[in-house]
Protein backbone atom coordinates (compact mmCIF):
# COMPACT_ATOMS: atom_id res chain seq x y z
CA UNK A 1 -99.74 -6.76 302.00
CA UNK A 2 -98.22 -8.64 304.91
CA UNK A 3 -94.96 -8.89 303.05
CA UNK A 4 -94.79 -5.07 302.80
CA UNK A 5 -95.60 -4.68 306.48
CA UNK A 6 -92.72 -7.01 307.43
CA UNK A 7 -90.34 -5.16 305.14
CA UNK A 8 -91.36 -1.85 306.66
CA UNK A 9 -90.97 -3.18 310.21
CA UNK A 10 -87.52 -4.62 309.46
CA UNK A 11 -86.44 -1.42 307.76
CA UNK A 12 -87.34 0.59 310.84
CA UNK A 13 -86.32 -1.83 313.61
CA UNK A 14 -83.06 -3.39 312.38
CA UNK A 15 -81.00 -0.15 312.36
CA UNK A 16 -82.23 0.90 315.82
CA UNK A 17 -79.99 -1.41 317.96
CA UNK A 18 -76.99 -0.40 315.86
CA UNK A 19 -77.77 3.28 316.45
CA UNK A 20 -77.67 3.84 312.73
CA UNK A 21 -80.15 6.73 312.95
CA UNK A 22 -77.53 9.21 314.19
CA UNK A 23 -77.94 11.25 311.03
CA UNK A 24 -80.21 13.75 312.79
CA UNK A 25 -78.30 14.08 316.07
CA UNK A 26 -74.64 14.11 315.14
CA UNK A 27 -74.58 17.84 314.40
CA UNK A 28 -75.62 18.58 317.99
CA UNK A 29 -72.65 16.75 319.49
CA UNK A 30 -69.62 18.67 318.30
CA UNK A 31 -66.75 20.60 319.77
CA UNK A 32 -67.96 24.17 319.53
CA UNK A 33 -69.20 27.00 321.70
CA UNK A 34 -72.96 26.95 322.01
CA UNK A 35 -74.98 30.14 321.45
CA UNK A 36 -75.26 32.33 324.57
CA UNK A 37 -72.47 30.33 326.23
CA UNK A 38 -69.83 32.20 328.20
CA UNK A 39 -66.85 33.00 326.02
CA UNK A 40 -63.64 31.19 326.80
CA UNK A 41 -60.70 33.14 328.24
CA UNK A 42 -57.48 33.52 326.32
CA UNK A 43 -55.03 30.65 326.99
CA UNK A 44 -52.14 31.45 329.32
CA UNK A 45 -49.14 33.08 327.64
CA UNK A 46 -51.08 33.60 324.39
CA UNK A 47 -50.22 36.52 322.16
CA UNK A 48 -52.91 38.39 320.20
CA UNK A 49 -52.73 38.58 316.44
CA UNK A 50 -50.95 41.80 315.40
CA UNK A 51 -53.48 44.58 314.93
CA UNK A 52 -56.02 43.02 317.29
CA UNK A 53 -57.28 45.39 319.96
CA UNK A 54 -57.41 43.70 323.34
CA UNK A 55 -58.33 44.81 326.82
CA UNK A 56 -57.99 42.45 329.77
CA UNK A 57 -60.89 42.74 332.18
CA UNK A 58 -61.30 39.78 334.57
CA UNK A 59 -65.05 40.08 335.21
CA UNK A 60 -68.05 42.40 335.02
CA UNK A 61 -67.71 43.65 338.60
CA UNK A 62 -64.15 44.86 338.09
CA UNK A 63 -65.13 46.50 334.78
CA UNK A 64 -67.48 48.88 336.62
CA UNK A 65 -64.55 50.83 338.04
CA UNK A 66 -62.78 51.33 334.69
CA UNK A 67 -62.93 54.93 333.46
CA UNK A 68 -63.92 55.57 329.88
CA UNK A 69 -60.67 56.16 327.92
CA UNK A 70 -62.49 57.69 324.94
CA UNK A 71 -63.88 61.22 325.40
CA UNK A 72 -67.51 61.76 324.44
CA UNK A 73 -66.87 63.76 321.28
CA UNK A 74 -69.30 64.15 318.39
CA UNK A 75 -67.31 61.61 316.35
CA UNK A 76 -67.38 59.07 319.18
CA UNK A 77 -71.13 59.52 319.73
CA UNK A 78 -71.80 59.20 315.99
CA UNK A 79 -69.69 56.03 315.78
CA UNK A 80 -71.52 54.66 318.82
CA UNK A 81 -74.87 55.45 317.20
CA UNK A 82 -73.91 53.56 314.03
CA UNK A 83 -72.86 50.54 316.09
CA UNK A 84 -76.02 50.81 318.20
CA UNK A 85 -78.14 50.72 315.05
CA UNK A 86 -76.38 47.54 313.92
CA UNK A 87 -76.13 45.56 317.15
CA UNK A 88 -78.77 46.92 319.55
CA UNK A 89 -81.86 47.99 317.62
CA UNK A 90 -83.22 44.47 317.02
CA UNK A 91 -83.91 44.16 320.77
CA UNK A 92 -83.81 47.71 322.19
CA UNK A 93 -85.34 49.50 319.18
CA UNK A 94 -84.09 52.70 317.58
CA UNK A 95 -85.27 54.74 320.56
CA UNK A 96 -83.50 52.43 323.06
CA UNK A 97 -86.69 51.80 325.02
CA UNK A 98 -86.78 48.00 324.51
CA UNK A 99 -89.35 47.99 321.73
CA UNK A 100 -87.31 46.34 318.96
CA UNK A 101 -88.79 43.66 316.73
CA UNK A 102 -86.86 40.89 318.48
CA UNK A 103 -87.28 42.45 321.93
CA UNK A 104 -91.06 42.34 321.64
CA UNK A 105 -90.92 38.57 321.13
CA UNK A 106 -88.73 37.86 324.17
CA UNK A 107 -90.32 36.70 327.41
CA UNK A 108 -88.25 39.30 329.31
CA UNK A 109 -88.43 42.76 327.78
CA UNK A 110 -85.04 44.40 327.10
CA UNK A 111 -84.01 47.29 329.36
CA UNK A 112 -85.14 50.81 328.58
CA UNK A 113 -81.72 52.34 327.96
CA UNK A 114 -83.14 55.86 328.30
CA UNK A 115 -84.36 55.30 331.88
CA UNK A 116 -82.75 57.18 334.75
CA UNK A 117 -81.55 53.93 336.32
CA UNK A 118 -79.56 52.94 333.23
CA UNK A 119 -78.31 56.48 332.59
CA UNK A 120 -76.98 56.62 336.17
CA UNK A 121 -74.81 53.51 335.68
CA UNK A 122 -71.07 54.17 335.39
CA UNK A 123 -69.43 53.87 331.98
CA UNK A 124 -67.36 50.89 333.10
CA UNK A 125 -70.46 48.94 334.16
CA UNK A 126 -72.05 49.32 330.73
CA UNK A 127 -68.73 48.40 329.10
CA UNK A 128 -68.62 45.26 331.28
CA UNK A 129 -72.21 44.41 330.37
CA UNK A 130 -71.36 44.65 326.66
CA UNK A 131 -68.22 42.59 327.24
CA UNK A 132 -69.49 39.82 329.51
CA UNK A 133 -73.21 39.63 328.59
CA UNK A 134 -76.38 39.97 330.60
CA UNK A 135 -79.19 37.62 331.48
CA UNK A 136 -80.58 37.47 327.97
CA UNK A 137 -78.19 39.78 326.15
CA UNK A 138 -75.23 38.12 324.41
CA UNK A 139 -71.61 39.14 324.84
CA UNK A 140 -70.25 41.50 322.20
CA UNK A 141 -66.60 41.02 323.15
CA UNK A 142 -65.96 38.96 320.01
CA UNK A 143 -67.92 41.25 317.70
CA UNK A 144 -66.80 44.68 318.86
CA UNK A 145 -63.34 45.93 319.73
CA UNK A 146 -62.88 47.62 323.12
CA UNK A 147 -62.83 51.03 321.41
CA UNK A 148 -66.11 50.29 319.63
CA UNK A 149 -67.71 49.25 322.92
CA UNK A 150 -66.57 52.53 324.52
CA UNK A 151 -68.07 54.44 321.58
CA UNK A 152 -71.37 52.66 322.25
CA UNK A 153 -71.13 53.65 325.93
CA UNK A 154 -70.63 57.28 324.88
CA UNK A 155 -73.71 57.08 322.65
CA UNK A 156 -75.81 55.47 325.40
CA UNK A 157 -74.90 58.20 327.89
CA UNK A 158 -74.69 61.26 325.65
CA UNK A 159 -76.55 60.56 322.40
CA UNK A 160 -79.58 58.49 323.39
CA UNK A 161 -82.46 60.76 324.35
CA UNK A 162 -85.31 59.72 326.67
CA UNK A 163 -88.73 59.29 325.08
CA UNK A 164 -91.28 62.08 325.41
CA UNK A 165 -93.86 61.49 328.20
CA UNK A 166 -96.70 60.85 325.71
CA UNK A 167 -94.59 58.33 323.81
CA UNK A 168 -93.54 56.61 327.05
CA UNK A 169 -97.20 56.21 328.08
CA UNK A 170 -98.10 54.74 324.68
CA UNK A 171 -95.26 52.22 324.92
CA UNK A 172 -96.24 51.19 328.45
CA UNK A 173 -99.75 50.22 327.23
C-alpha cells in the first residue's frame, strides 16, 4: 500500500516544478481578442476588402451627430426588424422591453427600447451604441454592416411599439 502511495505522490509532485501541467491553461494564453473586449481599429493605410462596407466613426460621442443616411421606409423597417429578431431578442426580448431569455439572467437588466428616453435619442447615438458597444452590450460593428445598423435604428425608432400599460405593469412586477 505504501508503494502505491509513493508512486501517486511522485506522479503528482515531480511534474509540478517543471510546470508540466500547462495542459489546462495554455488555451487561455493566446493571441486573440477576448470576448467583450474593445475591437481594434483598422491599421493605418489599410484598404478594405473589395465589397466590404465601411464607415469611419472615431468614437461613440462623434457618432451621435451623424444623420441617418437611410430613410425610414417600410423595407428598411422590415429589414431592421429581421436583424433585431436575430441579434437583439435574446437580451431585449421580442417586445424590446428587456425581457429576453438572456436579459433576465443578467445582473443588469437590458434597456427598455420602447421607453421615451430611448426613443428620444438621436439616430446617430443609437448607431454609435451598436457600433462601439455599451456597458454590457457587445459591439456589432463586426457582425453588421453600417447599412444594417442603420436599418436597425430605423426599426427601433419607427417599428418598435411601446408596451400597453397593463403589460408594462405586469413586466415591472
